[in-house]
Amino acid sequence: MENYTLQDVLIKVSSLNDFYSINIFSVFPVAKHIVGLNIDDRLLSGDETLVNDISAVIINETTKNFYSFATKYCSHHNSLDYPIYDSYVDKILSYFMNIDNFMFSNNKNMKDFLQFKKILLQFRKHYDLEQFSLKEIDRYLWLLGKETFPKKYKK
């Protein structure tokens, strides 16, 4: 799991950035930020505030929000406690909230990890899917979202 050395974290950040096509154009400050947070114990314990801490990175005196990346980084260390946020999951969860109104809170901001995880847990409970892990539900929602809301590329 180790996230203590800049070299180890830089490899992880670069790999995730490439694998998911995240488009973090300056990975070094992101890796340095993560090392500075001393995250290993928090990852193991499933500290839900960690995602938002990782996501806010200062690059050239500007705070960037790499929220989707932060969920992926945490999930790759502890997939049971950290579901991955992306636009497909956001769209399909919003769709289900509108259709079945399973979320009874006014706060439906999925770009806040505490709220995002709460929404996923409500989804799992509402549809009686407790036998599935958040990782399994996350994967299903991503696949369904990708199929239901495909990206349209210009020709």
N, C-alpha and C. Protein backbone atom coordinates (compact mmCIF):
# COMPACT_ATOMS: atom_id res chain seq x y z
N MET A 1 0.83 -1.19 0.00
CA MET A 1 0.00 0.00 0.00
C MET A 1 0.87 1.25 0.00
N GLU A 2 1.98 1.21 0.50
CA GLU A 2 2.86 2.33 0.83
C GLU A 2 2.74 3.55 -0.08
N ASN A 3 2.51 4.67 0.56
CA ASN A 3 2.40 5.96 -0.12
C ASN A 3 3.31 6.98 0.56
N TYR A 4 4.51 6.52 0.94
CA TYR A 4 5.44 7.39 1.67
C TYR A 4 6.48 8.04 0.78
N THR A 5 6.87 7.34 -0.28
CA THR A 5 7.93 7.90 -1.12
C THR A 5 7.33 8.53 -2.37
N LEU A 6 7.94 9.60 -2.77
CA LEU A 6 7.47 10.32 -3.96
C LEU A 6 7.55 9.42 -5.20
N GLN A 7 8.58 8.59 -5.28
CA GLN A 7 8.73 7.72 -6.44
C GLN A 7 7.56 6.74 -6.55
N ASP A 8 7.20 6.10 -5.43
CA ASP A 8 6.10 5.13 -5.45
C ASP A 8 4.78 5.80 -5.83
N VAL A 9 4.51 6.93 -5.23
CA VAL A 9 3.24 7.62 -5.48
C VAL A 9 3.21 8.18 -6.89
N LEU A 10 4.32 8.67 -7.37
CA LEU A 10 4.39 9.21 -8.73
C LEU A 10 4.07 8.12 -9.76
N ILE A 11 4.55 6.91 -9.54
CA ILE A 11 4.24 5.79 -10.44
C ILE A 11 2.74 5.50 -10.40
N LYS A 12 2.16 5.50 -9.21
CA LYS A 12 0.72 5.22 -9.08
C LYS A 12 -0.11 6.31 -9.75
N VAL A 13 0.23 7.56 -9.48
CA VAL A 13 -0.53 8.68 -10.05
C VAL A 13 -0.43 8.64 -11.58
N SER A 14 0.78 8.44 -12.09
CA SER A 14 0.97 8.39 -13.55
C SER A 14 0.22 7.23 -14.18
N SER A 15 0.27 6.08 -13.52
CA SER A 15 -0.43 4.90 -14.05
C SER A 15 -1.94 5.11 -14.10
N LEU A 16 -2.51 5.60 -13.01
CA LEU A 16 -3.96 5.85 -12.99
C LEU A 16 -4.34 6.93 -13.98
N ASN A 17 -3.53 7.96 -14.07
CA ASN A 17 -3.78 9.05 -15.01
C ASN A 17 -3.84 8.53 -16.45
N ASP A 18 -2.90 7.66 -16.79
CA ASP A 18 -2.88 7.09 -18.14
C ASP A 18 -4.00 6.07 -18.35
N PHE A 19 -4.18 5.17 -17.38
CA PHE A 19 -5.16 4.11 -17.52
C PHE A 19 -6.58 4.65 -17.69
N TYR A 20 -6.93 5.65 -16.89
CA TYR A 20 -8.28 6.20 -16.93
C TYR A 20 -8.40 7.44 -17.81
N SER A 21 -7.33 7.83 -18.47
CA SER A 21 -7.33 9.04 -19.31
C SER A 21 -7.89 10.24 -18.55
N ILE A 22 -7.32 10.48 -17.38
CA ILE A 22 -7.83 11.53 -16.50
C ILE A 22 -7.41 12.92 -16.95
N ASN A 23 -6.30 13.03 -17.63
CA ASN A 23 -5.79 14.31 -18.11
C ASN A 23 -5.28 15.22 -17.01
N ILE A 24 -4.59 14.64 -16.04
CA ILE A 24 -3.83 15.46 -15.10
C ILE A 24 -2.53 15.78 -15.83
N PHE A 25 -2.34 17.05 -16.15
CA PHE A 25 -1.21 17.42 -16.99
C PHE A 25 0.07 17.64 -16.18
N SER A 26 -0.06 17.72 -14.87
CA SER A 26 1.10 17.92 -14.02
C SER A 26 1.01 16.93 -12.85
N VAL A 27 1.52 15.72 -13.05
CA VAL A 27 1.36 14.66 -12.05
C VAL A 27 2.28 14.83 -10.85
N PHE A 28 3.41 15.49 -11.01
CA PHE A 28 4.35 15.64 -9.91
C PHE A 28 3.73 16.35 -8.70
N PRO A 29 3.07 17.51 -8.88
CA PRO A 29 2.46 18.15 -7.70
C PRO A 29 1.37 17.30 -7.05
N VAL A 30 0.67 16.50 -7.84
CA VAL A 30 -0.37 15.61 -7.29
C VAL A 30 0.29 14.55 -6.41
N ALA A 31 1.35 13.94 -6.91
CA ALA A 31 2.06 12.92 -6.14
C ALA A 31 2.66 13.53 -4.87
N LYS A 32 3.24 14.68 -4.98
CA LYS A 32 3.83 15.36 -3.81
C LYS A 32 2.75 15.67 -2.77
N HIS A 33 1.60 16.11 -3.23
CA HIS A 33 0.46 16.39 -2.36
C HIS A 33 0.04 15.14 -1.59
N ILE A 34 -0.06 14.01 -2.28
CA ILE A 34 -0.49 12.76 -1.66
C ILE A 34 0.53 12.31 -0.61
N VAL A 35 1.81 12.37 -0.95
CA VAL A 35 2.84 11.99 0.01
C VAL A 35 2.73 12.85 1.27
N GLY A 36 2.49 14.14 1.09
CA GLY A 36 2.39 15.07 2.22
C GLY A 36 1.20 14.80 3.12
N LEU A 37 0.19 14.09 2.63
CA LEU A 37 -1.00 13.80 3.43
C LEU A 37 -0.83 12.61 4.37
N ASN A 38 0.22 11.79 4.13
CA ASN A 38 0.47 10.62 4.99
C ASN A 38 -0.81 9.77 5.10
N ILE A 39 -1.19 9.14 4.01
CA ILE A 39 -2.54 8.58 3.87
C ILE A 39 -2.73 7.11 4.21
N ASP A 40 -1.67 6.36 4.40
CA ASP A 40 -1.82 4.90 4.51
C ASP A 40 -2.78 4.44 5.59
N ASP A 41 -2.67 4.96 6.80
CA ASP A 41 -3.58 4.57 7.87
C ASP A 41 -5.02 4.95 7.54
N ARG A 42 -5.19 6.11 6.92
CA ARG A 42 -6.53 6.57 6.55
C ARG A 42 -7.14 5.68 5.48
N LEU A 43 -6.32 5.24 4.52
CA LEU A 43 -6.80 4.32 3.49
C LEU A 43 -7.26 3.00 4.10
N LEU A 44 -6.44 2.46 4.99
CA LEU A 44 -6.79 1.19 5.64
C LEU A 44 -8.08 1.27 6.43
N SER A 45 -8.28 2.39 7.11
CA SER A 45 -9.48 2.53 7.95
C SER A 45 -10.71 2.95 7.16
N GLY A 46 -10.55 3.28 5.87
CA GLY A 46 -11.69 3.69 5.05
C GLY A 46 -12.16 5.10 5.36
N ASP A 47 -11.26 5.95 5.80
CA ASP A 47 -11.59 7.35 6.13
C ASP A 47 -12.20 8.04 4.92
N GLU A 48 -13.48 8.33 5.00
CA GLU A 48 -14.20 8.91 3.86
C GLU A 48 -13.80 10.35 3.55
N THR A 49 -13.19 11.03 4.49
CA THR A 49 -12.76 12.41 4.23
C THR A 49 -11.49 12.46 3.38
N LEU A 50 -10.82 11.33 3.25
CA LEU A 50 -9.56 11.29 2.52
C LEU A 50 -9.73 11.66 1.05
N VAL A 51 -10.80 11.23 0.42
CA VAL A 51 -11.00 11.52 -1.01
C VAL A 51 -11.00 13.02 -1.25
N ASN A 52 -11.75 13.76 -0.46
CA ASN A 52 -11.79 15.21 -0.65
C ASN A 52 -10.44 15.85 -0.34
N ASP A 53 -9.70 15.29 0.61
CA ASP A 53 -8.37 15.82 0.92
C ASP A 53 -7.40 15.60 -0.23
N ILE A 54 -7.46 14.43 -0.85
CA ILE A 54 -6.57 14.14 -1.98
C ILE A 54 -6.96 14.97 -3.20
N SER A 55 -8.24 15.20 -3.38
CA SER A 55 -8.71 15.84 -4.62
C SER A 55 -8.27 17.30 -4.77
N ALA A 56 -8.08 18.01 -3.68
CA ALA A 56 -7.73 19.44 -3.75
C ALA A 56 -6.21 19.59 -3.80
N VAL A 57 -5.69 19.93 -4.98
CA VAL A 57 -4.25 20.05 -5.19
C VAL A 57 -3.93 21.44 -5.72
N ILE A 58 -2.92 22.06 -5.13
CA ILE A 58 -2.49 23.39 -5.60
C ILE A 58 -1.40 23.20 -6.65
N ILE A 59 -1.69 23.72 -7.84
CA ILE A 59 -0.74 23.68 -8.95
C ILE A 59 -0.62 25.10 -9.48
N ASN A 60 0.60 25.62 -9.46
CA ASN A 60 0.85 26.99 -9.92
C ASN A 60 -0.07 28.01 -9.24
N GLU A 61 -0.18 27.88 -7.93
CA GLU A 61 -0.96 28.80 -7.09
C GLU A 61 -2.47 28.75 -7.37
N THR A 62 -2.92 27.71 -8.05
CA THR A 62 -4.34 27.53 -8.31
C THR A 62 -4.77 26.18 -7.75
N THR A 63 -5.87 26.17 -7.01
CA THR A 63 -6.38 24.91 -6.47
C THR A 63 -7.16 24.18 -7.55
N LYS A 64 -6.72 22.96 -7.84
CA LYS A 64 -7.39 22.10 -8.81
C LYS A 64 -8.16 21.04 -8.04
N ASN A 65 -9.30 20.63 -8.59
CA ASN A 65 -10.09 19.58 -7.96
C ASN A 65 -10.05 18.33 -8.82
N PHE A 66 -9.30 17.34 -8.36
CA PHE A 66 -9.18 16.06 -9.06
C PHE A 66 -10.00 15.01 -8.33
N TYR A 67 -11.27 15.28 -8.18
CA TYR A 67 -12.16 14.43 -7.39
C TYR A 67 -12.27 13.01 -7.96
N SER A 68 -12.55 12.88 -9.24
CA SER A 68 -12.68 11.56 -9.83
C SER A 68 -11.38 10.77 -9.68
N PHE A 69 -10.26 11.43 -9.91
CA PHE A 69 -8.96 10.79 -9.71
C PHE A 69 -8.79 10.33 -8.27
N ALA A 70 -9.16 11.16 -7.32
CA ALA A 70 -8.99 10.83 -5.90
C ALA A 70 -9.80 9.59 -5.53
N THR A 71 -11.01 9.45 -6.08
CA THR A 71 -11.80 8.24 -5.79
C THR A 71 -11.11 7.01 -6.37
N LYS A 72 -10.53 7.16 -7.55
CA LYS A 72 -9.83 6.05 -8.18
C LYS A 72 -8.57 5.68 -7.40
N TYR A 73 -7.83 6.67 -6.96
CA TYR A 73 -6.61 6.42 -6.19
C TYR A 73 -6.94 5.66 -4.91
N CYS A 74 -7.94 6.13 -4.19
CA CYS A 74 -8.34 5.46 -2.95
C CYS A 74 -8.89 4.06 -3.23
N SER A 75 -9.71 3.94 -4.25
CA SER A 75 -10.31 2.65 -4.57
C SER A 75 -9.27 1.60 -4.93
N HIS A 76 -8.21 2.01 -5.59
CA HIS A 76 -7.18 1.05 -5.95
C HIS A 76 -6.38 0.57 -4.74
N HIS A 77 -6.53 1.23 -3.63
CA HIS A 77 -5.90 0.79 -2.39
C HIS A 77 -6.89 0.06 -1.48
N ASN A 78 -8.17 0.42 -1.57
CA ASN A 78 -9.19 -0.17 -0.68
C ASN A 78 -10.53 -0.09 -1.42
N SER A 79 -10.76 -1.06 -2.29
CA SER A 79 -11.93 -1.01 -3.18
C SER A 79 -13.26 -1.22 -2.47
N LEU A 80 -13.24 -1.81 -1.29
CA LEU A 80 -14.51 -2.06 -0.59
C LEU A 80 -15.03 -0.79 0.08
N ASP A 81 -14.15 0.09 0.49
CA ASP A 81 -14.58 1.31 1.18
C ASP A 81 -14.65 2.54 0.27
N TYR A 82 -14.00 2.47 -0.89
CA TYR A 82 -13.94 3.64 -1.77
C TYR A 82 -14.47 3.33 -3.16
N PRO A 83 -15.76 3.54 -3.40
CA PRO A 83 -16.28 3.38 -4.76
C PRO A 83 -15.72 4.49 -5.66
N ILE A 84 -15.69 4.21 -6.94
CA ILE A 84 -15.15 5.15 -7.92
C ILE A 84 -16.26 6.02 -8.49
N TYR A 85 -16.00 7.32 -8.46
CA TYR A 85 -16.93 8.27 -9.08
C TYR A 85 -16.45 8.52 -10.51
N ASP A 86 -17.38 8.55 -11.42
CA ASP A 86 -17.13 9.08 -12.76
C ASP A 86 -18.46 9.53 -13.35
N SER A 87 -18.40 10.13 -14.51
CA SER A 87 -19.60 10.75 -15.08
C SER A 87 -20.68 9.72 -15.40
N TYR A 88 -20.30 8.51 -15.80
CA TYR A 88 -21.31 7.49 -16.09
C TYR A 88 -22.08 7.09 -14.83
N VAL A 89 -21.36 6.90 -13.74
CA VAL A 89 -22.01 6.53 -12.48
C VAL A 89 -22.90 7.69 -12.02
N ASP A 90 -22.42 8.90 -12.14
CA ASP A 90 -23.21 10.08 -11.77
C ASP A 90 -24.52 10.12 -12.57
N LYS A 91 -24.41 9.95 -13.87
CA LYS A 91 -25.61 10.03 -14.73
C LYS A 91 -26.62 8.93 -14.43
N ILE A 92 -26.13 7.71 -14.24
CA ILE A 92 -27.08 6.61 -14.02
C ILE A 92 -27.68 6.68 -12.63
N LEU A 93 -26.92 7.10 -11.63
CA LEU A 93 -27.51 7.28 -10.29
C LEU A 93 -28.54 8.40 -10.30
N SER A 94 -28.24 9.48 -10.99
CA SER A 94 -29.21 10.58 -11.11
C SER A 94 -30.49 10.10 -11.80
N TYR A 95 -30.31 9.28 -12.82
CA TYR A 95 -31.46 8.71 -13.52
C TYR A 95 -32.34 7.92 -12.56
N PHE A 96 -31.73 7.02 -11.78
CA PHE A 96 -32.50 6.21 -10.84
C PHE A 96 -33.12 7.06 -9.73
N MET A 97 -32.42 8.09 -9.30
CA MET A 97 -33.01 8.98 -8.27
C MET A 97 -34.25 9.67 -8.82
N ASN A 98 -34.20 10.08 -10.07
CA ASN A 98 -35.36 10.74 -10.68
C ASN A 98 -36.52 9.78 -10.93
N ILE A 99 -36.21 8.56 -11.33
CA ILE A 99 -37.25 7.57 -11.64
C ILE A 99 -37.91 7.03 -10.37
N ASP A 100 -37.09 6.58 -9.44
CA ASP A 100 -37.61 5.89 -8.25
C ASP A 100 -37.51 6.69 -6.96
N ASN A 101 -36.91 7.86 -7.02
CA ASN A 101 -36.80 8.73 -5.86
C ASN A 101 -36.30 7.99 -4.62
N PHE A 102 -35.22 7.20 -4.79
CA PHE A 102 -34.71 6.42 -3.66
C PHE A 102 -33.91 7.25 -2.67
N MET A 103 -33.49 8.44 -3.06
CA MET A 103 -32.69 9.30 -2.17
C MET A 103 -33.60 10.36 -1.60
N PHE A 104 -33.75 10.35 -0.28
CA PHE A 104 -34.71 11.24 0.36
C PHE A 104 -34.06 12.47 0.97
N SER A 105 -32.87 12.78 0.51
CA SER A 105 -32.16 13.95 1.00
C SER A 105 -32.16 15.02 -0.09
N ASN A 106 -32.10 16.26 0.31
CA ASN A 106 -31.99 17.34 -0.67
C ASN A 106 -30.58 17.44 -1.23
N ASN A 107 -29.60 16.95 -0.47
CA ASN A 107 -28.21 17.02 -0.92
C ASN A 107 -27.90 15.81 -1.79
N LYS A 108 -27.85 16.03 -3.07
CA LYS A 108 -27.56 14.95 -4.02
C LYS A 108 -26.27 15.24 -4.79
N ASN A 109 -25.35 15.93 -4.12
CA ASN A 109 -24.08 16.31 -4.73
C ASN A 109 -23.12 15.12 -4.72
N MET A 110 -22.96 14.48 -5.84
CA MET A 110 -22.11 13.31 -5.90
C MET A 110 -20.63 13.66 -6.00
N LYS A 111 -20.32 14.93 -6.14
CA LYS A 111 -18.92 15.35 -6.15
C LYS A 111 -18.41 15.68 -4.75
N ASP A 112 -19.15 15.25 -3.77
CA ASP A 112 -18.69 15.24 -2.38
C ASP A 112 -18.71 13.77 -1.99
N PHE A 113 -17.55 13.23 -1.62
CA PHE A 113 -17.45 11.79 -1.44
C PHE A 113 -18.38 11.25 -0.36
N LEU A 114 -18.54 11.96 0.74
CA LEU A 114 -19.44 11.49 1.79
C LEU A 114 -20.85 11.32 1.24
N GLN A 115 -21.29 12.28 0.46
CA GLN A 115 -22.63 12.23 -0.13
C GLN A 115 -22.72 11.16 -1.21
N PHE A 116 -21.69 11.06 -2.04
CA PHE A 116 -21.66 10.05 -3.10
C PHE A 116 -21.79 8.65 -2.52
N LYS A 117 -21.03 8.36 -1.49
CA LYS A 117 -21.09 7.04 -0.87
C LYS A 117 -22.45 6.81 -0.21
N LYS A 118 -23.00 7.83 0.39
CA LYS A 118 -24.34 7.74 1.00
C LYS A 118 -25.39 7.40 -0.07
N ILE A 119 -25.28 8.03 -1.22
CA ILE A 119 -26.21 7.77 -2.32
C ILE A 119 -26.07 6.32 -2.80
N LEU A 120 -24.84 5.85 -2.94
CA LEU A 120 -24.64 4.46 -3.35
C LEU A 120 -25.21 3.48 -2.33
N LEU A 121 -25.03 3.77 -1.06
CA LEU A 121 -25.58 2.90 -0.01
C LEU A 121 -27.10 2.91 -0.03
N GLN A 122 -27.70 4.08 -0.29
CA GLN A 122 -29.16 4.17 -0.41
C GLN A 122 -29.65 3.39 -1.63
N PHE A 123 -28.93 3.52 -2.73
CA PHE A 123 -29.26 2.76 -3.95
C PHE A 123 -29.25 1.27 -3.64
N ARG A 124 -28.19 0.80 -3.00
CA ARG A 124 -28.06 -0.62 -2.67
C ARG A 124 -29.20 -1.09 -1.77
N LYS A 125 -29.55 -0.28 -0.79
CA LYS A 125 -30.63 -0.64 0.13
C LYS A 125 -31.99 -0.61 -0.57
N HIS A 126 -32.25 0.44 -1.34
CA HIS A 126 -33.53 0.61 -2.01
C HIS A 126 -33.85 -0.56 -2.94
N TYR A 127 -32.84 -1.03 -3.66
CA TYR A 127 -33.04 -2.11 -4.63
C TYR A 127 -32.71 -3.48 -4.05
N ASP A 128 -32.57 -3.56 -2.73
CA ASP A 128 -32.31 -4.82 -2.02
C ASP A 128 -31.10 -5.55 -2.61
N LEU A 129 -29.98 -4.83 -2.65
CA LEU A 129 -28.75 -5.37 -3.22
C LEU A 129 -27.64 -5.49 -2.18
N GLU A 130 -28.02 -5.67 -0.92
CA GLU A 130 -27.03 -5.70 0.14
C GLU A 130 -26.03 -6.84 0.02
N GLN A 131 -26.36 -7.87 -0.76
CA GLN A 131 -25.42 -8.98 -0.93
C GLN A 131 -24.24 -8.60 -1.81
N PHE A 132 -24.31 -7.43 -2.46
CA PHE A 132 -23.24 -6.97 -3.33
C PHE A 132 -22.42 -5.89 -2.64
N SER A 133 -21.11 -5.92 -2.87
CA SER A 133 -20.23 -4.90 -2.31
C SER A 133 -20.42 -3.59 -3.08
N LEU A 134 -19.96 -2.51 -2.48
CA LEU A 134 -20.01 -1.22 -3.19
C LEU A 134 -19.18 -1.28 -4.46
N LYS A 135 -18.10 -2.04 -4.45
CA LYS A 135 -17.27 -2.20 -5.64
C LYS A 135 -18.07 -2.87 -6.76
N GLU A 136 -18.82 -3.91 -6.44
CA GLU A 136 -19.63 -4.59 -7.45
C GLU A 136 -20.74 -3.69 -7.98
N ILE A 137 -21.37 -2.96 -7.09
CA ILE A 137 -22.43 -2.04 -7.51
C ILE A 137 -21.87 -0.92 -8.36
N ASP A 138 -20.73 -0.40 -7.94
CA ASP A 138 -20.07 0.66 -8.69
C ASP A 138 -19.75 0.19 -10.11
N ARG A 139 -19.21 -1.01 -10.23
CA ARG A 139 -18.87 -1.56 -11.55
C ARG A 139 -20.13 -1.73 -12.41
N TYR A 140 -21.20 -2.25 -11.81
CA TYR A 140 -22.46 -2.41 -12.53
C TYR A 140 -23.00 -1.06 -13.01
N LEU A 141 -22.99 -0.07 -12.12
CA LEU A 141 -23.51 1.25 -12.49
C LEU A 141 -22.67 1.88 -13.60
N TRP A 142 -21.36 1.68 -13.55
CA TRP A 142 -20.49 2.23 -14.58
C TRP A 142 -20.82 1.60 -15.93
N LEU A 143 -20.96 0.28 -15.96
CA LEU A 143 -21.29 -0.41 -17.21
C LEU A 143 -22.66 0.01 -17.74
N LEU A 144 -23.64 0.08 -16.84
CA LEU A 144 -24.98 0.49 -17.25
C LEU A 144 -24.99 1.94 -17.71
N GLY A 145 -24.28 2.80 -17.01
CA GLY A 145 -24.20 4.20 -17.41
C GLY A 145 -23.53 4.38 -18.75
N LYS A 146 -22.48 3.62 -18.98
CA LYS A 146 -21.76 3.70 -20.26
C LYS A 146 -22.65 3.24 -21.41
N GLU A 147 -23.46 2.21 -21.16
CA GLU A 147 -24.37 1.71 -22.18
C GLU A 147 -25.56 2.65 -22.39
N THR A 148 -26.09 3.19 -21.31
CA THR A 148 -27.29 4.03 -21.37
C THR A 148 -26.99 5.44 -21.86
N PHE A 149 -25.85 5.97 -21.46
CA PHE A 149 -25.47 7.35 -21.80
C PHE A 149 -24.12 7.38 -22.52
N PRO A 150 -24.03 6.77 -23.70
CA PRO A 150 -22.73 6.74 -24.39
C PRO A 150 -22.28 8.15 -24.78
N LYS A 151 -20.98 8.34 -24.73
CA LYS A 151 -20.43 9.63 -25.14
C LYS A 151 -20.55 9.74 -26.64
N LYS A 152 -20.92 10.92 -27.08
CA LYS A 152 -21.05 11.17 -28.50
C LYS A 152 -19.85 11.96 -28.96
N TYR A 153 -19.10 11.39 -29.86
CA TYR A 153 -17.91 12.04 -30.36
C TYR A 153 -18.19 12.65 -31.73
N LYS A 154 -17.57 13.81 -31.95
CA LYS A 154 -17.74 14.45 -33.25
C LYS A 154 -16.98 13.68 -34.31
N LYS A 155 -17.55 13.64 -35.50
CA LYS A 155 -16.89 12.92 -36.61
C LYS A 155 -15.93 13.83 -37.32
